[in-house]
């Protein structure tokens, strides 16, 4: 049962394949036809309670994925590290569940999206209507094409940059530092809600790169593409927290995002509001530097918000975007 129905000197840049998202079409299905032309699902698709396991038959999942693509909440193809491959592969996992949550949050205004679609449930009914058409590949195979993507990707100087396609070249710029091990630039790119790629410039950097190199590298890429904009936010996940905190003083940011970060300087100050989600690493609230940093929020020494929440460390980026992504 759906539970969340409560509204609420760098090298020359190299262009890569990959990036999400096409805009939804503008014509509509009749909502009284949930199975129009055979389009229906026979069972639930998405995340099981707790969000660590997933459910859905291959055919049901493929239909949901195609609708999420048409609605602009799932990438039509996988990113550059995987080549051009359709996202509607019939296998449900974290990407599909996160796309469902993104849809539930932004379209249905769920306060607590659960990432699950049930036959004839509220999310299913709205998704069929909102997607506005039955994608051809919901009934047959469709070859994935990078031409369907709404942004271009570039690489140079150790950073990856995404720029929305189109004549407009000025967008809010968001710089994101990843963490150690799995939290690479490419992994961090997958944590960003797909619709945001059509109206933001994103810069992805590694946790061991400081802004003294990241700044010149991405600016060279933007200059070469005739793109730019205002510096909206810098975010750091896990081991990328110190790099984000270092970058905070080097541009006129509107927002600082700290995603379960390592904190090397609990006494750091920012000129912009900061938003941090975190949990203790080892459970010691007295010695954890993030706990000390959190108390500075409580005392009003840092503007913004700090929320301690449980849950897996690798899910913290999605949690951060669910809470504060609309501010970017």
C-alpha atoms as a PDB file:
ATOM      1  CA  UNK A   1       0.000   0.000   0.000  1.00  0.00           C
ATOM      2  CA  UNK A   2       1.218   3.483  -0.766  1.00  0.00           C
ATOM      3  CA  UNK A   3       1.909   5.233   2.517  1.00  0.00           C
ATOM      4  CA  UNK A   4       2.971   8.685   1.341  1.00  0.00           C
ATOM      5  CA  UNK A   5      -0.223  10.428   0.276  1.00  0.00           C
ATOM      6  CA  UNK A   6       0.228  13.458   2.532  1.00  0.00           C
ATOM      7  CA  UNK A   7       0.675  16.613   0.376  1.00  0.00           C
ATOM      8  CA  UNK A   8       2.870  18.758   1.587  1.00  0.00           C
ATOM      9  CA  UNK A   9      46.519  24.712 -16.700  1.00  0.00           C
ATOM     10  CA  UNK A  10      43.977  22.286 -17.582  1.00  0.00           C
ATOM     11  CA  UNK A  11      43.820  20.100 -20.684  1.00  0.00           C
ATOM     12  CA  UNK A  12      41.377  20.955 -23.445  1.00  0.00           C
ATOM     13  CA  UNK A  13      37.896  19.807 -22.490  1.00  0.00           C
ATOM     14  CA  UNK A  14      36.632  16.632 -24.097  1.00  0.00           C
ATOM     15  CA  UNK A  15      32.952  16.184 -24.824  1.00  0.00           C
ATOM     16  CA  UNK A  16      31.490  12.961 -23.491  1.00  0.00           C
ATOM     17  CA  UNK A  17      28.384  10.992 -24.240  1.00  0.00           C
ATOM     18  CA  UNK A  18      25.744  10.891 -21.579  1.00  0.00           C
ATOM     19  CA  UNK A  19      23.466  12.805 -19.228  1.00  0.00           C
ATOM     20  CA  UNK A  20      19.750  12.642 -18.411  1.00  0.00           C
ATOM     21  CA  UNK A  21      16.573  13.797 -19.260  1.00  0.00           C
ATOM     22  CA  UNK A  22      14.045  14.885 -21.772  1.00  0.00           C
ATOM     23  CA  UNK A  23      11.088  17.119 -21.058  1.00  0.00           C
ATOM     24  CA  UNK A  24       7.628  15.604 -20.866  1.00  0.00           C
ATOM     25  CA  UNK A  25       5.399  16.045 -23.925  1.00  0.00           C
ATOM     26  CA  UNK A  26       2.498  18.456 -23.744  1.00  0.00           C
ATOM     27  CA  UNK A  27      -0.496  16.318 -24.777  1.00  0.00           C
ATOM     28  CA  UNK A  28      -2.319  14.066 -22.326  1.00  0.00           C
ATOM     29  CA  UNK A  29      -3.734  10.618 -21.871  1.00  0.00           C
ATOM     30  CA  UNK A  30      -7.292  10.441 -20.655  1.00  0.00           C
ATOM     31  CA  UNK A  31      -7.022   9.623 -16.954  1.00  0.00           C
ATOM     32  CA  UNK A  32     -10.077   7.329 -17.164  1.00  0.00           C
ATOM     33  CA  UNK A  33      -8.013   4.936 -19.293  1.00  0.00           C
ATOM     34  CA  UNK A  34      -5.353   3.569 -16.887  1.00  0.00           C
ATOM     35  CA  UNK A  35      -4.840   0.591 -19.185  1.00  0.00           C
ATOM     36  CA  UNK A  36      -4.972   2.539 -22.450  1.00  0.00           C
ATOM     37  CA  UNK A  37      -3.846   0.396 -25.362  1.00  0.00           C
ATOM     38  CA  UNK A  38      -2.770  -2.314 -22.954  1.00  0.00           C
ATOM     39  CA  UNK A  39      -0.666  -0.061 -20.691  1.00  0.00           C
ATOM     40  CA  UNK A  40      -1.049  -1.366 -17.158  1.00  0.00           C
ATOM     41  CA  UNK A  41       0.974  -3.033 -14.445  1.00  0.00           C
ATOM     42  CA  UNK A  42       0.075  -6.231 -12.632  1.00  0.00           C
ATOM     43  CA  UNK A  43       1.966  -5.658  -9.392  1.00  0.00           C
ATOM     44  CA  UNK A  44       3.947  -3.117  -7.357  1.00  0.00           C
ATOM     45  CA  UNK A  45       7.164  -1.628  -8.727  1.00  0.00           C
ATOM     46  CA  UNK A  46       9.836   0.118  -6.690  1.00  0.00           C
ATOM     47  CA  UNK A  47      11.276   0.063  -3.196  1.00  0.00           C
ATOM     48  CA  UNK A  48      10.166  -2.283  -0.457  1.00  0.00           C
ATOM     49  CA  UNK A  49       9.700  -0.813   3.055  1.00  0.00           C
ATOM     50  CA  UNK A  50      13.101   0.380   4.281  1.00  0.00           C
ATOM     51  CA  UNK A  51      14.332   1.143   0.766  1.00  0.00           C
ATOM     52  CA  UNK A  52      17.053  -1.506   0.742  1.00  0.00           C
ATOM     53  CA  UNK A  53      15.314  -4.110  -1.465  1.00  0.00           C
ATOM     54  CA  UNK A  54      13.130  -3.724  -4.534  1.00  0.00           C
ATOM     55  CA  UNK A  55      10.157  -5.353  -6.181  1.00  0.00           C
ATOM     56  CA  UNK A  56       8.646  -5.506  -9.655  1.00  0.00           C
ATOM     57  CA  UNK A  57       8.342  -7.866 -12.604  1.00  0.00           C
ATOM     58  CA  UNK A  58      10.520  -7.106 -15.610  1.00  0.00           C
ATOM     59  CA  UNK A  59       7.590  -6.069 -17.823  1.00  0.00           C
ATOM     60  CA  UNK A  60       5.919  -3.921 -15.149  1.00  0.00           C
ATOM     61  CA  UNK A  61       9.248  -2.273 -14.354  1.00  0.00           C
ATOM     62  CA  UNK A  62       9.941  -1.526 -18.009  1.00  0.00           C
ATOM     63  CA  UNK A  63       6.548   0.204 -18.381  1.00  0.00           C
ATOM     64  CA  UNK A  64       7.116   2.296 -15.235  1.00  0.00           C
ATOM     65  CA  UNK A  65      10.622   3.235 -16.389  1.00  0.00           C
ATOM     66  CA  UNK A  66       9.341   4.412 -19.790  1.00  0.00           C
ATOM     67  CA  UNK A  67       6.691   6.558 -18.118  1.00  0.00           C
ATOM     68  CA  UNK A  68       9.284   8.030 -15.744  1.00  0.00           C
ATOM     69  CA  UNK A  69      11.480   8.851 -18.757  1.00  0.00           C
ATOM     70  CA  UNK A  70       8.572  10.559 -20.514  1.00  0.00           C
ATOM     71  CA  UNK A  71       7.777  12.480 -17.315  1.00  0.00           C
ATOM     72  CA  UNK A  72      11.381  13.684 -17.082  1.00  0.00           C
ATOM     73  CA  UNK A  73      12.331  11.866 -13.892  1.00  0.00           C
ATOM     74  CA  UNK A  74      14.551   9.089 -15.260  1.00  0.00           C
ATOM     75  CA  UNK A  75      17.430   9.365 -17.697  1.00  0.00           C
ATOM     76  CA  UNK A  76      16.604   7.998 -21.161  1.00  0.00           C
ATOM     77  CA  UNK A  77      20.051   6.378 -21.249  1.00  0.00           C
ATOM     78  CA  UNK A  78      22.799   5.592 -18.798  1.00  0.00           C
ATOM     79  CA  UNK A  79      25.685   8.028 -18.415  1.00  0.00           C
ATOM     80  CA  UNK A  80      29.024   8.220 -20.208  1.00  0.00           C
ATOM     81  CA  UNK A  81      30.770   5.590 -18.127  1.00  0.00           C
ATOM     82  CA  UNK A  82      28.240   2.978 -19.275  1.00  0.00           C
ATOM     83  CA  UNK A  83      27.916   4.080 -22.890  1.00  0.00           C
ATOM     84  CA  UNK A  84      24.572   4.644 -24.558  1.00  0.00           C
ATOM     85  CA  UNK A  85      22.219   2.052 -23.099  1.00  0.00           C
ATOM     86  CA  UNK A  86      18.501   2.358 -22.418  1.00  0.00           C
ATOM     87  CA  UNK A  87      17.462   2.964 -18.813  1.00  0.00           C
ATOM     88  CA  UNK A  88      14.188   1.107 -19.433  1.00  0.00           C
ATOM     89  CA  UNK A  89      15.829  -2.285 -18.997  1.00  0.00           C
ATOM     90  CA  UNK A  90      13.155  -3.871 -16.822  1.00  0.00           C
ATOM     91  CA  UNK A  91      15.407  -4.195 -13.786  1.00  0.00           C
ATOM     92  CA  UNK A  92      14.249  -2.284 -10.734  1.00  0.00           C
ATOM     93  CA  UNK A  93      16.884  -0.871  -8.386  1.00  0.00           C
ATOM     94  CA  UNK A  94      17.999   2.310  -6.667  1.00  0.00           C
ATOM     95  CA  UNK A  95      17.864   4.491  -9.800  1.00  0.00           C
ATOM     96  CA  UNK A  96      14.264   3.533 -10.560  1.00  0.00           C
ATOM     97  CA  UNK A  97      13.168   3.863  -6.925  1.00  0.00           C
ATOM     98  CA  UNK A  98      14.821   7.283  -6.667  1.00  0.00           C
ATOM     99  CA  UNK A  99      13.094   8.399  -9.875  1.00  0.00           C
ATOM    100  CA  UNK A 100       9.746   7.335  -8.377  1.00  0.00           C
ATOM    101  CA  UNK A 101      10.557   9.280  -5.203  1.00  0.00           C
ATOM    102  CA  UNK A 102      11.500  12.329  -7.269  1.00  0.00           C
ATOM    103  CA  UNK A 103       8.147  12.134  -9.074  1.00  0.00           C
ATOM    104  CA  UNK A 104       6.217  11.653  -5.831  1.00  0.00           C
ATOM    105  CA  UNK A 105       7.984  14.594  -4.205  1.00  0.00           C
ATOM    106  CA  UNK A 106       7.827  17.130  -7.037  1.00  0.00           C
ATOM    107  CA  UNK A 107       4.512  16.236  -8.702  1.00  0.00           C
ATOM    108  CA  UNK A 108       2.400  14.745  -5.905  1.00  0.00           C
ATOM    109  CA  UNK A 109       3.958  16.820  -3.099  1.00  0.00           C
ATOM    110  CA  UNK A 110       4.423  13.761  -0.890  1.00  0.00           C
ATOM    111  CA  UNK A 111       6.126  14.733   2.340  1.00  0.00           C
ATOM    112  CA  UNK A 112       7.526  11.202   2.679  1.00  0.00           C
ATOM    113  CA  UNK A 113       7.868   9.616  -0.764  1.00  0.00           C
ATOM    114  CA  UNK A 114       8.297   5.855  -0.507  1.00  0.00           C
ATOM    115  CA  UNK A 115       9.548   5.071  -4.024  1.00  0.00           C
ATOM    116  CA  UNK A 116       6.791   2.509  -4.676  1.00  0.00           C
ATOM    117  CA  UNK A 117       4.144   2.414  -7.430  1.00  0.00           C
ATOM    118  CA  UNK A 118       1.123   0.146  -7.033  1.00  0.00           C
ATOM    119  CA  UNK A 119      -1.468  -0.805  -9.672  1.00  0.00           C
ATOM    120  CA  UNK A 120      -4.299   1.762  -9.640  1.00  0.00           C
ATOM    121  CA  UNK A 121      -2.608   3.619  -6.782  1.00  0.00           C
ATOM    122  CA  UNK A 122      -2.288   7.385  -6.641  1.00  0.00           C
ATOM    123  CA  UNK A 123       1.284   7.443  -7.982  1.00  0.00           C
ATOM    124  CA  UNK A 124       0.426   5.144 -10.903  1.00  0.00           C
ATOM    125  CA  UNK A 125      -2.698   7.096 -11.882  1.00  0.00           C
ATOM    126  CA  UNK A 126      -0.837  10.414 -11.787  1.00  0.00           C
ATOM    127  CA  UNK A 127       2.222   9.061 -13.608  1.00  0.00           C
ATOM    128  CA  UNK A 128       0.108   7.740 -16.506  1.00  0.00           C
ATOM    129  CA  UNK A 129      -1.617  11.119 -16.825  1.00  0.00           C
ATOM    130  CA  UNK A 130       1.486  13.244 -16.255  1.00  0.00           C
ATOM    131  CA  UNK A 131       3.675  11.372 -18.713  1.00  0.00           C
ATOM    132  CA  UNK A 132       1.153  12.552 -21.334  1.00  0.00           C
ATOM    133  CA  UNK A 133       1.623   9.711 -23.790  1.00  0.00           C
ATOM    134  CA  UNK A 134       2.368   6.034 -24.024  1.00  0.00           C
ATOM    135  CA  UNK A 135       6.040   5.863 -25.017  1.00  0.00           C
ATOM    136  CA  UNK A 136       6.500   3.685 -28.101  1.00  0.00           C
ATOM    137  CA  UNK A 137       9.080   1.596 -26.295  1.00  0.00           C
ATOM    138  CA  UNK A 138       6.597   0.750 -23.530  1.00  0.00           C
ATOM    139  CA  UNK A 139       5.144  -1.637 -26.112  1.00  0.00           C
ATOM    140  CA  UNK A 140       8.304  -2.477 -28.069  1.00  0.00           C
ATOM    141  CA  UNK A 141      12.039  -2.085 -27.989  1.00  0.00           C
ATOM    142  CA  UNK A 142      13.470   1.317 -28.812  1.00  0.00           C
ATOM    143  CA  UNK A 143      17.154   1.931 -29.472  1.00  0.00           C
ATOM    144  CA  UNK A 144      18.600   4.371 -26.961  1.00  0.00           C
ATOM    145  CA  UNK A 145      20.127   7.503 -28.418  1.00  0.00           C
ATOM    146  CA  UNK A 146      22.259  10.225 -26.895  1.00  0.00           C
ATOM    147  CA  UNK A 147      20.255  12.684 -29.059  1.00  0.00           C
ATOM    148  CA  UNK A 148      17.371  12.347 -26.568  1.00  0.00           C
ATOM    149  CA  UNK A 149      19.444  13.780 -23.726  1.00  0.00           C
ATOM    150  CA  UNK A 150      18.811  17.318 -22.540  1.00  0.00           C
ATOM    151  CA  UNK A 151      22.380  18.223 -21.598  1.00  0.00           C
ATOM    152  CA  UNK A 152      25.926  17.866 -22.858  1.00  0.00           C
ATOM    153  CA  UNK A 153      28.786  16.517 -20.738  1.00  0.00           C
ATOM    154  CA  UNK A 154      32.396  17.697 -20.828  1.00  0.00           C
ATOM    155  CA  UNK A 155      35.560  16.617 -19.052  1.00  0.00           C
ATOM    156  CA  UNK A 156      38.854  18.388 -18.429  1.00  0.00           C
ATOM    157  CA  UNK A 157      41.266  19.248 -15.642  1.00  0.00           C
ATOM    158  CA  UNK A 158      39.940  16.441 -13.480  1.00  0.00           C
ATOM    159  CA  UNK A 159      36.317  17.669 -13.437  1.00  0.00           C
ATOM    160  CA  UNK A 160      33.119  16.658 -15.211  1.00  0.00           C
ATOM    161  CA  UNK A 161      30.748  19.418 -16.292  1.00  0.00           C
ATOM    162  CA  UNK A 162      27.155  19.198 -17.514  1.00  0.00           C
ATOM    163  CA  UNK A 163      25.574  22.048 -19.497  1.00  0.00           C
ATOM    164  CA  UNK A 164      21.906  22.070 -20.577  1.00  0.00           C
ATOM    165  CA  UNK A 165      21.340  21.911 -24.313  1.00  0.00           C
ATOM    166  CA  UNK A 166      19.792  24.865 -26.096  1.00  0.00           C
ATOM    167  CA  UNK A 167      20.489  28.454 -26.999  1.00  0.00           C
ATOM    168  CA  UNK A 168      20.444  29.688 -23.410  1.00  0.00           C
ATOM    169  CA  UNK A 169      23.929  29.519 -21.866  1.00  0.00           C
ATOM    170  CA  UNK A 170      23.526  31.103 -18.422  1.00  0.00           C
ATOM    171  CA  UNK A 171      22.357  28.893 -15.575  1.00  0.00           C
ATOM    172  CA  UNK A 172      22.896  28.540 -11.820  1.00  0.00           C
ATOM    173  CA  UNK A 173      26.201  26.742 -11.245  1.00  0.00           C
ATOM    174  CA  UNK A 174      26.432  23.959  -8.656  1.00  0.00           C
ATOM    175  CA  UNK A 175      29.790  22.403  -7.732  1.00  0.00           C
ATOM    176  CA  UNK A 176      29.712  18.963  -6.077  1.00  0.00           C
ATOM    177  CA  UNK A 177      32.656  17.193  -4.432  1.00  0.00           C
ATOM    178  CA  UNK A 178      32.383  13.413  -4.119  1.00  0.00           C
ATOM    179  CA  UNK A 179      33.746  11.122  -1.450  1.00  0.00           C
ATOM    180  CA  UNK A 180      36.147   8.209  -1.257  1.00  0.00           C
ATOM    181  CA  UNK A 181      35.828   4.747  -2.859  1.00  0.00           C
ATOM    182  CA  UNK A 182      32.434   4.446  -4.585  1.00  0.00           C
ATOM    183  CA  UNK A 183      31.500   8.155  -4.439  1.00  0.00           C
ATOM    184  CA  UNK A 184      33.244   9.078  -7.687  1.00  0.00           C
ATOM    185  CA  UNK A 185      32.339  12.008  -9.910  1.00  0.00           C
ATOM    186  CA  UNK A 186      30.187   9.680 -11.999  1.00  0.00           C
ATOM    187  CA  UNK A 187      28.429   8.226  -8.947  1.00  0.00           C
ATOM    188  CA  UNK A 188      27.698  11.688  -7.578  1.00  0.00           C
ATOM    189  CA  UNK A 189      26.193  12.663 -10.926  1.00  0.00           C
ATOM    190  CA  UNK A 190      23.677   9.834 -10.541  1.00  0.00           C
ATOM    191  CA  UNK A 191      22.570  11.161  -7.136  1.00  0.00           C
ATOM    192  CA  UNK A 192      21.289  14.436  -8.579  1.00  0.00           C
ATOM    193  CA  UNK A 193      17.550  14.429  -9.431  1.00  0.00           C
ATOM    194  CA  UNK A 194      17.408  14.154 -13.203  1.00  0.00           C
ATOM    195  CA  UNK A 195      15.105  17.137 -13.897  1.00  0.00           C
ATOM    196  CA  UNK A 196      17.723  19.485 -12.436  1.00  0.00           C
ATOM    197  CA  UNK A 197      20.130  18.829 -15.303  1.00  0.00           C
ATOM    198  CA  UNK A 198      17.918  20.767 -17.713  1.00  0.00           C
ATOM    199  CA  UNK A 199      18.199  24.047 -15.783  1.00  0.00           C
ATOM    200  CA  UNK A 200      21.536  23.957 -13.923  1.00  0.00           C
ATOM    201  CA  UNK A 201      25.212  23.718 -14.772  1.00  0.00           C
ATOM    202  CA  UNK A 202      26.801  21.010 -12.616  1.00  0.00           C
ATOM    203  CA  UNK A 203      30.500  20.586 -11.883  1.00  0.00           C
ATOM    204  CA  UNK A 204      31.580  17.243 -10.383  1.00  0.00           C
ATOM    205  CA  UNK A 205      34.966  16.915  -8.660  1.00  0.00           C
ATOM    206  CA  UNK A 206      36.737  14.303  -6.554  1.00  0.00           C
ATOM    207  CA  UNK A 207      37.202  14.499  -2.811  1.00  0.00           C
ATOM    208  CA  UNK A 208      40.951  15.077  -3.129  1.00  0.00           C
ATOM    209  CA  UNK A 209      40.646  18.103  -5.420  1.00  0.00           C
ATOM    210  CA  UNK A 210      40.549  21.549  -3.898  1.00  0.00           C
ATOM    211  CA  UNK A 211      38.871  24.536  -5.473  1.00  0.00           C
ATOM    212  CA  UNK A 212      42.217  26.049  -6.419  1.00  0.00           C
ATOM    213  CA  UNK A 213      42.276  23.490  -9.261  1.00  0.00           C
ATOM    214  CA  UNK A 214      38.556  22.829  -9.689  1.00  0.00           C
ATOM    215  CA  UNK A 215      37.756  26.515 -10.202  1.00  0.00           C
ATOM    216  CA  UNK A 216      40.109  27.157 -13.152  1.00  0.00           C
ATOM    217  CA  UNK A 217      39.338  23.758 -14.722  1.00  0.00           C
ATOM    218  CA  UNK A 218      35.582  24.148 -14.935  1.00  0.00           C
ATOM    219  CA  UNK A 219      35.771  27.826 -15.872  1.00  0.00           C
ATOM    220  CA  UNK A 220      37.931  26.917 -18.865  1.00  0.00           C
ATOM    221  CA  UNK A 221      35.297  24.413 -19.986  1.00  0.00           C
ATOM    222  CA  UNK A 222      32.463  26.911 -19.557  1.00  0.00           C
ATOM    223  CA  UNK A 223      34.389  29.593 -21.446  1.00  0.00           C
ATOM    224  CA  UNK A 224      35.061  27.206 -24.328  1.00  0.00           C
ATOM    225  CA  UNK A 225      31.328  26.439 -24.538  1.00  0.00           C
ATOM    226  CA  UNK A 226      30.224  30.065 -24.164  1.00  0.00           C
ATOM    227  CA  UNK A 227      28.383  29.152 -20.953  1.00  0.00           C
ATOM    228  CA  UNK A 228      28.317  30.595 -17.452  1.00  0.00           C
ATOM    229  CA  UNK A 229      26.071  31.850 -14.708  1.00  0.00           C
ATOM    230  CA  UNK A 230      25.898  32.702 -11.036  1.00  0.00           C
ATOM    231  CA  UNK A 231      27.499  30.438  -8.457  1.00  0.00           C
ATOM    232  CA  UNK A 232      24.519  28.962  -6.661  1.00  0.00           C
ATOM    233  CA  UNK A 233      25.889  26.256  -4.387  1.00  0.00           C
ATOM    234  CA  UNK A 234      28.846  24.100  -3.457  1.00  0.00           C
ATOM    235  CA  UNK A 235      28.146  20.649  -2.020  1.00  0.00           C
ATOM    236  CA  UNK A 236      30.438  18.097  -0.429  1.00  0.00           C
ATOM    237  CA  UNK A 237      29.636  14.473   0.359  1.00  0.00           C
ATOM    238  CA  UNK A 238      31.563  12.451   2.940  1.00  0.00           C
ATOM    239  CA  UNK A 239      35.295  12.903   2.260  1.00  0.00           C
ATOM    240  CA  UNK A 240      34.440  15.817  -0.039  1.00  0.00           C
ATOM    241  CA  UNK A 241      33.164  17.843   2.907  1.00  0.00           C
ATOM    242  CA  UNK A 242      36.498  19.589   3.634  1.00  0.00           C
ATOM    243  CA  UNK A 243      36.857  20.522  -0.052  1.00  0.00           C
ATOM    244  CA  UNK A 244      33.366  22.043  -0.085  1.00  0.00           C
ATOM    245  CA  UNK A 245      34.099  23.960   3.115  1.00  0.00           C
ATOM    246  CA  UNK A 246      37.351  25.216   1.583  1.00  0.00           C
ATOM    247  CA  UNK A 247      35.506  26.319  -1.563  1.00  0.00           C
ATOM    248  CA  UNK A 248      32.858  28.136   0.476  1.00  0.00           C
ATOM    249  CA  UNK A 249      35.025  31.255   0.765  1.00  0.00           C
ATOM    250  CA  UNK A 250      36.131  31.345  -2.887  1.00  0.00           C
ATOM    251  CA  UNK A 251      32.901  32.263  -4.706  1.00  0.00           C
ATOM    252  CA  UNK A 252      29.763  34.213  -3.830  1.00  0.00           C
ATOM    253  CA  UNK A 253      27.676  31.115  -3.139  1.00  0.00           C
ATOM    254  CA  UNK A 254      24.026  31.318  -2.136  1.00  0.00           C
ATOM    255  CA  UNK A 255      24.123  27.987  -0.305  1.00  0.00           C
ATOM    256  CA  UNK A 256      26.579  25.485   1.182  1.00  0.00           C
ATOM    257  CA  UNK A 257      25.576  21.817   1.196  1.00  0.00           C
ATOM    258  CA  UNK A 258      27.243  19.358   3.580  1.00  0.00           C
ATOM    259  CA  UNK A 259      26.151  15.773   2.982  1.00  0.00           C
ATOM    260  CA  UNK A 260      27.174  13.496   5.872  1.00  0.00           C
ATOM    261  CA  UNK A 261      30.529  15.215   5.575  1.00  0.00           C
ATOM    262  CA  UNK A 262      33.921  14.674   7.030  1.00  0.00           C
ATOM    263  CA  UNK A 263      34.586  17.842   9.047  1.00  0.00           C
ATOM    264  CA  UNK A 264      38.229  18.815   9.355  1.00  0.00           C
ATOM    265  CA  UNK A 265      37.505  22.228  10.889  1.00  0.00           C
ATOM    266  CA  UNK A 266      34.501  22.346  13.264  1.00  0.00           C
ATOM    267  CA  UNK A 267      35.130  26.089  13.736  1.00  0.00           C
ATOM    268  CA  UNK A 268      34.676  26.987  10.053  1.00  0.00           C
ATOM    269  CA  UNK A 269      32.409  29.904   9.211  1.00  0.00           C
ATOM    270  CA  UNK A 270      30.466  30.609   6.028  1.00  0.00           C
ATOM    271  CA  UNK A 271      29.119  33.747   4.402  1.00  0.00           C
ATOM    272  CA  UNK A 272      26.133  31.767   3.030  1.00  0.00           C
ATOM    273  CA  UNK A 273      23.597  29.540   4.798  1.00  0.00           C
ATOM    274  CA  UNK A 274      24.693  25.914   5.166  1.00  0.00           C
ATOM    275  CA  UNK A 275      22.489  22.812   5.116  1.00  0.00           C
ATOM    276  CA  UNK A 276      23.837  19.585   6.586  1.00  0.00           C
ATOM    277  CA  UNK A 277      22.425  16.087   7.035  1.00  0.00           C
ATOM    278  CA  UNK A 278      24.542  13.683   9.020  1.00  0.00           C
ATOM    279  CA  UNK A 279      24.778  10.759  11.388  1.00  0.00           C
ATOM    280  CA  UNK A 280      27.551   9.843  13.775  1.00  0.00           C
ATOM    281  CA  UNK A 281      30.380   7.705  12.466  1.00  0.00           C
ATOM    282  CA  UNK A 282      30.825   5.339  15.403  1.00  0.00           C
ATOM    283  CA  UNK A 283      28.025   6.808  17.500  1.00  0.00           C
ATOM    284  CA  UNK A 284      30.078   9.063  19.803  1.00  0.00           C
ATOM    285  CA  UNK A 285      28.279  12.412  20.020  1.00  0.00           C
ATOM    286  CA  UNK A 286      31.000  13.873  22.214  1.00  0.00           C
ATOM    287  CA  UNK A 287      33.949  13.352  19.890  1.00  0.00           C
ATOM    288  CA  UNK A 288      32.402  13.310  16.405  1.00  0.00           C
ATOM    289  CA  UNK A 289      33.450  16.583  14.714  1.00  0.00           C
ATOM    290  CA  UNK A 290      30.102  16.731  12.909  1.00  0.00           C
ATOM    291  CA  UNK A 291      28.297  16.655  16.238  1.00  0.00           C
ATOM    292  CA  UNK A 292      30.348  19.660  17.343  1.00  0.00           C
ATOM    293  CA  UNK A 293      29.544  21.357  14.056  1.00  0.00           C
ATOM    294  CA  UNK A 294      25.847  20.543  14.534  1.00  0.00           C
ATOM    295  CA  UNK A 295      25.825  22.236  17.939  1.00  0.00           C
ATOM    296  CA  UNK A 296      27.068  25.428  16.287  1.00  0.00           C
ATOM    297  CA  UNK A 297      23.925  25.388  14.148  1.00  0.00           C
ATOM    298  CA  UNK A 298      21.847  24.942  17.307  1.00  0.00           C
ATOM    299  CA  UNK A 299      23.558  27.935  18.932  1.00  0.00           C
ATOM    300  CA  UNK A 300      22.918  30.089  15.859  1.00  0.00           C
ATOM    301  CA  UNK A 301      26.607  30.474  15.042  1.00  0.00           C
ATOM    302  CA  UNK A 302      25.967  29.068  11.549  1.00  0.00           C
ATOM    303  CA  UNK A 303      22.882  30.031   9.562  1.00  0.00           C
ATOM    304  CA  UNK A 304      20.921  27.350   7.783  1.00  0.00           C
ATOM    305  CA  UNK A 305      19.932  23.938   9.128  1.00  0.00           C
ATOM    306  CA  UNK A 306      21.546  20.749  10.391  1.00  0.00           C
ATOM    307  CA  UNK A 307      19.568  17.518  10.669  1.00  0.00           C
ATOM    308  CA  UNK A 308      20.850  14.315  12.199  1.00  0.00           C
ATOM    309  CA  UNK A 309      19.088  11.294  10.721  1.00  0.00           C
ATOM    310  CA  UNK A 310      19.689   7.590  10.631  1.00  0.00           C
ATOM    311  CA  UNK A 311      20.062   5.558   7.484  1.00  0.00           C
ATOM    312  CA  UNK A 312      22.778   4.272   5.240  1.00  0.00           C
ATOM    313  CA  UNK A 313      25.661   6.649   4.490  1.00  0.00           C
ATOM    314  CA  UNK A 314      25.389   6.112   0.733  1.00  0.00           C
ATOM    315  CA  UNK A 315      21.728   7.219   0.766  1.00  0.00           C
ATOM    316  CA  UNK A 316      22.534  10.600   2.289  1.00  0.00           C
ATOM    317  CA  UNK A 317      22.922  12.428  -1.071  1.00  0.00           C
ATOM    318  CA  UNK A 318      19.352  11.528  -2.089  1.00  0.00           C
ATOM    319  CA  UNK A 319      18.133  12.528   1.366  1.00  0.00           C
ATOM    320  CA  UNK A 320      19.873  15.898   1.021  1.00  0.00           C
ATOM    321  CA  UNK A 321      18.306  16.598  -2.376  1.00  0.00           C
ATOM    322  CA  UNK A 322      14.875  15.561  -1.125  1.00  0.00           C
ATOM    323  CA  UNK A 323      15.143  18.025   1.742  1.00  0.00           C
ATOM    324  CA  UNK A 324      16.868  21.002   0.160  1.00  0.00           C
ATOM    325  CA  UNK A 325      17.213  20.412  -3.579  1.00  0.00           C
ATOM    326  CA  UNK A 326      14.381  22.828  -4.343  1.00  0.00           C
ATOM    327  CA  UNK A 327      16.570  25.660  -2.991  1.00  0.00           C
ATOM    328  CA  UNK A 328      19.156  25.215  -5.740  1.00  0.00           C
END
